[in-house]
C-alpha atoms as a PDB file:
ATOM      1  CA  UNK A   1     -84.199 -30.400  47.035  1.00  0.00           C
ATOM      2  CA  UNK A   2     -83.433 -26.856  48.293  1.00  0.00           C
ATOM      3  CA  UNK A   3     -79.760 -25.840  48.262  1.00  0.00           C
ATOM      4  CA  UNK A   4     -80.195 -22.398  49.786  1.00  0.00           C
ATOM      5  CA  UNK A   5     -82.672 -20.454  51.832  1.00  0.00           C
ATOM      6  CA  UNK A   6     -83.140 -18.500  55.003  1.00  0.00           C
ATOM      7  CA  UNK A   7     -83.891 -19.734  58.507  1.00  0.00           C
ATOM      8  CA  UNK A   8     -86.282 -17.779  60.703  1.00  0.00           C
ATOM      9  CA  UNK A   9     -86.453 -18.161  64.467  1.00  0.00           C
ATOM     10  CA  UNK A  10     -89.352 -16.643  66.369  1.00  0.00           C
ATOM     11  CA  UNK A  11     -90.357 -14.709  63.247  1.00  0.00           C
ATOM     12  CA  UNK A  12     -86.891 -13.174  62.762  1.00  0.00           C
ATOM     13  CA  UNK A  13     -83.882 -14.145  60.622  1.00  0.00           C
ATOM     14  CA  UNK A  14     -81.416 -16.275  62.578  1.00  0.00           C
ATOM     15  CA  UNK A  15     -78.933 -14.049  64.403  1.00  0.00           C
ATOM     16  CA  UNK A  16     -77.097 -13.970  67.775  1.00  0.00           C
ATOM     17  CA  UNK A  17     -80.203 -12.470  69.385  1.00  0.00           C
ATOM     18  CA  UNK A  18     -82.491 -15.333  68.325  1.00  0.00           C
ATOM     19  CA  UNK A  19     -79.848 -18.053  68.785  1.00  0.00           C
ATOM     20  CA  UNK A  20     -79.626 -17.107  72.453  1.00  0.00           C
ATOM     21  CA  UNK A  21     -83.221 -18.344  72.790  1.00  0.00           C
ATOM     22  CA  UNK A  22     -82.198 -21.898  71.886  1.00  0.00           C
ATOM     23  CA  UNK A  23     -80.618 -24.426  74.244  1.00  0.00           C
ATOM     24  CA  UNK A  24     -78.721 -27.302  72.636  1.00  0.00           C
ATOM     25  CA  UNK A  25     -77.931 -30.659  74.242  1.00  0.00           C
ATOM     26  CA  UNK A  26     -75.342 -32.608  72.191  1.00  0.00           C
ATOM     27  CA  UNK A  27     -74.756 -36.334  72.379  1.00  0.00           C
ATOM     28  CA  UNK A  28     -72.830 -36.965  75.574  1.00  0.00           C
ATOM     29  CA  UNK A  29     -69.718 -38.177  73.739  1.00  0.00           C
ATOM     30  CA  UNK A  30     -69.446 -34.744  72.086  1.00  0.00           C
ATOM     31  CA  UNK A  31     -68.519 -33.178  75.446  1.00  0.00           C
ATOM     32  CA  UNK A  32     -65.103 -33.826  77.001  1.00  0.00           C
ATOM     33  CA  UNK A  33     -65.993 -35.177  80.440  1.00  0.00           C
ATOM     34  CA  UNK A  34     -62.321 -35.651  81.293  1.00  0.00           C
ATOM     35  CA  UNK A  35     -61.899 -31.870  81.520  1.00  0.00           C
ATOM     36  CA  UNK A  36     -60.988 -30.899  85.126  1.00  0.00           C
ATOM     37  CA  UNK A  37     -64.050 -28.843  86.039  1.00  0.00           C
ATOM     38  CA  UNK A  38     -67.018 -29.284  88.340  1.00  0.00           C
ATOM     39  CA  UNK A  39     -70.602 -29.739  87.198  1.00  0.00           C
ATOM     40  CA  UNK A  40     -71.436 -26.180  88.305  1.00  0.00           C
ATOM     41  CA  UNK A  41     -68.579 -24.811  86.210  1.00  0.00           C
ATOM     42  CA  UNK A  42     -69.756 -26.873  83.251  1.00  0.00           C
ATOM     43  CA  UNK A  43     -73.320 -25.596  83.586  1.00  0.00           C
ATOM     44  CA  UNK A  44     -71.994 -22.022  83.766  1.00  0.00           C
ATOM     45  CA  UNK A  45     -70.667 -22.352  80.218  1.00  0.00           C
ATOM     46  CA  UNK A  46     -74.286 -22.431  79.101  1.00  0.00           C
ATOM     47  CA  UNK A  47     -74.426 -18.727  79.996  1.00  0.00           C
ATOM     48  CA  UNK A  48     -71.816 -17.739  77.397  1.00  0.00           C
ATOM     49  CA  UNK A  49     -74.474 -17.285  74.725  1.00  0.00           C
ATOM     50  CA  UNK A  50     -75.974 -14.455  76.803  1.00  0.00           C
ATOM     51  CA  UNK A  51     -72.735 -12.450  76.768  1.00  0.00           C
ATOM     52  CA  UNK A  52     -71.081 -10.185  74.225  1.00  0.00           C
ATOM     53  CA  UNK A  53     -67.753  -8.366  74.052  1.00  0.00           C
ATOM     54  CA  UNK A  54     -64.246  -9.411  75.061  1.00  0.00           C
ATOM     55  CA  UNK A  55     -64.626  -9.128  78.862  1.00  0.00           C
ATOM     56  CA  UNK A  56     -67.077 -11.950  79.352  1.00  0.00           C
ATOM     57  CA  UNK A  57     -66.945 -12.725  83.053  1.00  0.00           C
ATOM     58  CA  UNK A  58     -69.495 -14.680  85.009  1.00  0.00           C
ATOM     59  CA  UNK A  59     -71.705 -12.574  87.246  1.00  0.00           C
ATOM     60  CA  UNK A  60     -73.629 -13.501  90.399  1.00  0.00           C
ATOM     61  CA  UNK A  61     -76.686 -13.696  88.130  1.00  0.00           C
ATOM     62  CA  UNK A  62     -74.911 -16.319  85.997  1.00  0.00           C
ATOM     63  CA  UNK A  63     -74.115 -18.411  89.064  1.00  0.00           C
ATOM     64  CA  UNK A  64     -77.734 -18.168  90.249  1.00  0.00           C
ATOM     65  CA  UNK A  65     -78.968 -19.231  86.792  1.00  0.00           C
ATOM     66  CA  UNK A  66     -76.636 -22.242  86.805  1.00  0.00           C
ATOM     67  CA  UNK A  67     -77.820 -23.269  90.261  1.00  0.00           C
ATOM     68  CA  UNK A  68     -81.458 -22.826  89.242  1.00  0.00           C
ATOM     69  CA  UNK A  69     -80.915 -24.989  86.141  1.00  0.00           C
ATOM     70  CA  UNK A  70     -79.510 -27.782  88.311  1.00  0.00           C
ATOM     71  CA  UNK A  71     -82.420 -27.386  90.727  1.00  0.00           C
ATOM     72  CA  UNK A  72     -84.952 -27.814  87.915  1.00  0.00           C
ATOM     73  CA  UNK A  73     -83.420 -31.234  87.298  1.00  0.00           C
ATOM     74  CA  UNK A  74     -83.150 -32.135  90.993  1.00  0.00           C
ATOM     75  CA  UNK A  75     -79.375 -32.189  90.488  1.00  0.00           C
ATOM     76  CA  UNK A  76     -78.223 -29.595  93.042  1.00  0.00           C
ATOM     77  CA  UNK A  77     -76.025 -32.168  94.785  1.00  0.00           C
ATOM     78  CA  UNK A  78     -74.020 -32.658  91.594  1.00  0.00           C
ATOM     79  CA  UNK A  79     -72.784 -29.058  91.534  1.00  0.00           C
ATOM     80  CA  UNK A  80     -69.438 -29.651  93.276  1.00  0.00           C
ATOM     81  CA  UNK A  81     -68.754 -33.023  91.641  1.00  0.00           C
ATOM     82  CA  UNK A  82     -66.013 -33.310  88.994  1.00  0.00           C
ATOM     83  CA  UNK A  83     -67.672 -33.997  85.642  1.00  0.00           C
ATOM     84  CA  UNK A  84     -65.397 -37.011  85.078  1.00  0.00           C
ATOM     85  CA  UNK A  85     -67.078 -38.815  88.014  1.00  0.00           C
ATOM     86  CA  UNK A  86     -70.603 -38.648  86.609  1.00  0.00           C
ATOM     87  CA  UNK A  87     -72.633 -41.677  85.555  1.00  0.00           C
ATOM     88  CA  UNK A  88     -74.434 -41.791  82.199  1.00  0.00           C
ATOM     89  CA  UNK A  89     -77.713 -40.492  83.622  1.00  0.00           C
ATOM     90  CA  UNK A  90     -75.941 -37.772  85.620  1.00  0.00           C
ATOM     91  CA  UNK A  91     -74.095 -36.654  82.501  1.00  0.00           C
ATOM     92  CA  UNK A  92     -77.394 -36.230  80.688  1.00  0.00           C
ATOM     93  CA  UNK A  93     -78.821 -34.106  83.502  1.00  0.00           C
ATOM     94  CA  UNK A  94     -75.664 -31.977  83.575  1.00  0.00           C
ATOM     95  CA  UNK A  95     -75.831 -31.398  79.807  1.00  0.00           C
ATOM     96  CA  UNK A  96     -79.503 -30.426  80.005  1.00  0.00           C
ATOM     97  CA  UNK A  97     -78.798 -28.086  82.936  1.00  0.00           C
ATOM     98  CA  UNK A  98     -76.054 -26.462  80.843  1.00  0.00           C
ATOM     99  CA  UNK A  99     -78.566 -25.846  78.046  1.00  0.00           C
ATOM    100  CA  UNK A 100     -81.218 -24.543  80.458  1.00  0.00           C
ATOM    101  CA  UNK A 101     -78.807 -22.118  82.159  1.00  0.00           C
ATOM    102  CA  UNK A 102     -79.248 -19.664  79.288  1.00  0.00           C
ATOM    103  CA  UNK A 103     -83.045 -19.565  79.831  1.00  0.00           C
ATOM    104  CA  UNK A 104     -83.885 -20.739  76.288  1.00  0.00           C
ATOM    105  CA  UNK A 105     -87.355 -20.891  74.795  1.00  0.00           C
ATOM    106  CA  UNK A 106     -86.571 -24.012  72.732  1.00  0.00           C
ATOM    107  CA  UNK A 107     -84.523 -26.996  73.896  1.00  0.00           C
ATOM    108  CA  UNK A 108     -82.944 -29.163  71.152  1.00  0.00           C
ATOM    109  CA  UNK A 109     -81.604 -32.607  72.083  1.00  0.00           C
ATOM    110  CA  UNK A 110     -79.463 -34.752  69.774  1.00  0.00           C
ATOM    111  CA  UNK A 111     -79.861 -38.513  70.379  1.00  0.00           C
ATOM    112  CA  UNK A 112     -80.027 -37.977  74.155  1.00  0.00           C
ATOM    113  CA  UNK A 113     -80.565 -41.622  75.172  1.00  0.00           C
ATOM    114  CA  UNK A 114     -77.865 -43.334  73.079  1.00  0.00           C
ATOM    115  CA  UNK A 115     -75.517 -44.036  75.994  1.00  0.00           C
ATOM    116  CA  UNK A 116     -77.950 -44.638  78.862  1.00  0.00           C
ATOM    117  CA  UNK A 117     -79.560 -47.848  80.124  1.00  0.00           C
ATOM    118  CA  UNK A 118     -83.294 -48.570  80.064  1.00  0.00           C
ATOM    119  CA  UNK A 119     -84.175 -47.464  83.653  1.00  0.00           C
ATOM    120  CA  UNK A 120     -82.205 -44.232  83.154  1.00  0.00           C
ATOM    121  CA  UNK A 121     -83.922 -43.692  79.808  1.00  0.00           C
ATOM    122  CA  UNK A 122     -87.389 -43.964  81.373  1.00  0.00           C
ATOM    123  CA  UNK A 123     -86.423 -41.484  84.100  1.00  0.00           C
ATOM    124  CA  UNK A 124     -85.002 -39.199  81.405  1.00  0.00           C
ATOM    125  CA  UNK A 125     -88.265 -39.181  79.426  1.00  0.00           C
ATOM    126  CA  UNK A 126     -90.243 -38.422  82.585  1.00  0.00           C
ATOM    127  CA  UNK A 127     -87.897 -35.499  83.178  1.00  0.00           C
ATOM    128  CA  UNK A 128     -88.492 -34.167  79.662  1.00  0.00           C
ATOM    129  CA  UNK A 129     -92.246 -34.455  80.158  1.00  0.00           C
ATOM    130  CA  UNK A 130     -91.940 -32.255  83.230  1.00  0.00           C
ATOM    131  CA  UNK A 131     -89.755 -29.697  81.422  1.00  0.00           C
ATOM    132  CA  UNK A 132     -92.099 -29.582  78.407  1.00  0.00           C
ATOM    133  CA  UNK A 133     -94.693 -27.766  80.525  1.00  0.00           C
ATOM    134  CA  UNK A 134     -92.485 -24.658  80.431  1.00  0.00           C
ATOM    135  CA  UNK A 135     -90.370 -24.995  77.299  1.00  0.00           C
ATOM    136  CA  UNK A 136     -90.661 -26.316  73.739  1.00  0.00           C
ATOM    137  CA  UNK A 137     -88.539 -29.453  73.267  1.00  0.00           C
ATOM    138  CA  UNK A 138     -87.285 -30.762  69.919  1.00  0.00           C
ATOM    139  CA  UNK A 139     -85.591 -34.165  70.128  1.00  0.00           C
ATOM    140  CA  UNK A 140     -83.634 -35.922  67.371  1.00  0.00           C
ATOM    141  CA  UNK A 141     -83.698 -39.708  67.707  1.00  0.00           C
ATOM    142  CA  UNK A 142     -83.751 -42.975  65.783  1.00  0.00           C
ATOM    143  CA  UNK A 143     -85.671 -44.689  68.591  1.00  0.00           C
ATOM    144  CA  UNK A 144     -89.022 -43.827  67.044  1.00  0.00           C
ATOM    145  CA  UNK A 145     -90.960 -46.677  68.614  1.00  0.00           C
ATOM    146  CA  UNK A 146     -90.188 -45.676  72.188  1.00  0.00           C
ATOM    147  CA  UNK A 147     -90.184 -41.906  71.748  1.00  0.00           C
ATOM    148  CA  UNK A 148     -93.716 -41.917  70.332  1.00  0.00           C
ATOM    149  CA  UNK A 149     -94.996 -42.612  73.858  1.00  0.00           C
ATOM    150  CA  UNK A 150     -93.525 -39.335  75.127  1.00  0.00           C
ATOM    151  CA  UNK A 151     -94.192 -36.730  72.414  1.00  0.00           C
ATOM    152  CA  UNK A 152     -97.195 -34.904  70.998  1.00  0.00           C
ATOM    153  CA  UNK A 153     -96.079 -34.826  67.362  1.00  0.00           C
ATOM    154  CA  UNK A 154     -93.586 -36.601  65.098  1.00  0.00           C
ATOM    155  CA  UNK A 155     -91.524 -35.398  62.134  1.00  0.00           C
ATOM    156  CA  UNK A 156     -89.725 -37.987  59.981  1.00  0.00           C
ATOM    157  CA  UNK A 157     -86.704 -36.877  57.952  1.00  0.00           C
ATOM    158  CA  UNK A 158     -85.041 -38.722  55.082  1.00  0.00           C
ATOM    159  CA  UNK A 159     -84.005 -36.165  52.463  1.00  0.00           C
ATOM    160  CA  UNK A 160     -87.546 -34.780  52.801  1.00  0.00           C
ATOM    161  CA  UNK A 161     -89.365 -33.779  55.980  1.00  0.00           C
ATOM    162  CA  UNK A 162     -92.692 -35.449  56.746  1.00  0.00           C
ATOM    163  CA  UNK A 163     -94.548 -33.673  59.546  1.00  0.00           C
ATOM    164  CA  UNK A 164     -97.260 -35.529  61.443  1.00  0.00           C
ATOM    165  CA  UNK A 165     -99.553 -33.658  63.812  1.00  0.00           C
ATOM    166  CA  UNK A 166     -99.817 -36.751  65.967  1.00  0.00           C
ATOM    167  CA  UNK A 167     -97.803 -38.790  68.468  1.00  0.00           C
ATOM    168  CA  UNK A 168     -98.628 -42.062  66.693  1.00  0.00           C
ATOM    169  CA  UNK A 169     -96.005 -43.758  64.501  1.00  0.00           C
ATOM    170  CA  UNK A 170     -97.588 -46.039  61.920  1.00  0.00           C
ATOM    171  CA  UNK A 171     -95.983 -48.413  59.365  1.00  0.00           C
ATOM    172  CA  UNK A 172     -97.384 -46.169  56.630  1.00  0.00           C
ATOM    173  CA  UNK A 173     -95.568 -43.138  58.036  1.00  0.00           C
ATOM    174  CA  UNK A 174     -92.266 -45.024  58.181  1.00  0.00           C
ATOM    175  CA  UNK A 175     -92.733 -46.518  54.698  1.00  0.00           C
ATOM    176  CA  UNK A 176     -93.368 -43.051  53.275  1.00  0.00           C
ATOM    177  CA  UNK A 177     -90.210 -41.747  54.941  1.00  0.00           C
ATOM    178  CA  UNK A 178     -87.854 -44.591  53.965  1.00  0.00           C
ATOM    179  CA  UNK A 179     -89.456 -45.442  50.633  1.00  0.00           C
ATOM    180  CA  UNK A 180     -90.012 -49.144  51.368  1.00  0.00           C
ATOM    181  CA  UNK A 181     -92.441 -51.344  53.313  1.00  0.00           C
ATOM    182  CA  UNK A 182     -91.644 -51.829  57.001  1.00  0.00           C
ATOM    183  CA  UNK A 183     -92.718 -53.913  59.948  1.00  0.00           C
ATOM    184  CA  UNK A 184     -92.993 -52.425  63.423  1.00  0.00           C
ATOM    185  CA  UNK A 185     -91.960 -55.082  65.938  1.00  0.00           C
ATOM    186  CA  UNK A 186     -93.476 -54.800  69.391  1.00  0.00           C
ATOM    187  CA  UNK A 187     -93.152 -56.358  72.817  1.00  0.00           C
ATOM    188  CA  UNK A 188     -96.734 -56.328  74.075  1.00  0.00           C
ATOM    189  CA  UNK A 189     -98.214 -52.886  73.466  1.00  0.00           C
ATOM    190  CA  UNK A 190     -94.859 -51.070  73.395  1.00  0.00           C
ATOM    191  CA  UNK A 191     -93.161 -50.476  70.005  1.00  0.00           C
ATOM    192  CA  UNK A 192     -89.592 -51.755  70.221  1.00  0.00           C
ATOM    193  CA  UNK A 193     -87.893 -51.142  66.908  1.00  0.00           C
ATOM    194  CA  UNK A 194     -88.553 -50.765  63.207  1.00  0.00           C
ATOM    195  CA  UNK A 195     -87.388 -53.422  60.754  1.00  0.00           C
ATOM    196  CA  UNK A 196     -87.198 -52.563  57.073  1.00  0.00           C
ATOM    197  CA  UNK A 197     -88.447 -55.106  54.552  1.00  0.00           C
ATOM    198  CA  UNK A 198     -86.614 -54.949  51.240  1.00  0.00           C
ATOM    199  CA  UNK A 199     -88.430 -57.749  49.464  1.00  0.00           C
ATOM    200  CA  UNK A 200     -90.613 -60.817  49.642  1.00  0.00           C
ATOM    201  CA  UNK A 201     -89.663 -63.086  52.568  1.00  0.00           C
ATOM    202  CA  UNK A 202     -91.079 -66.232  50.921  1.00  0.00           C
END
């Protein structure tokens, strides 16, 4: 197991210049939605990574970038809404718009569907499919059965990283990751969840 090393982004060591090329979408509970700001003001904070120095004021270009990010998500009407009034699905769109405002080349999402219902989740995945035409998306999730229908490759991590150049999640892949046999339970043709088997059921 490596205890040290160096991370390269876009062929360069990680630094403020390369970090600015990455947009990060945290789990929705990690953002304080009780803060008294509008969605537009929230999205503007995604521009802070593009600024340096002590006098970091928002420019007309920043405001245009924030508005464009909301437009990409068909969320222009949310701009003047207080963030505390947003629904679960609207919160997700606002968080993604915030990440997109900095014009990143990679979008990283951390468990983005944990707090949304099933219809909102399906709409969310369709949205990501649309965005993936212009930007690389890396999503962290435990919902491996469902997400496999929306990605083009899967990486499984459990102390070691297992990279699969495929969108298919097989029992063998999961067993190799978790170190034990597993069953993939399905409803029809759609994987629903993964159940670990720790011994003989007889």
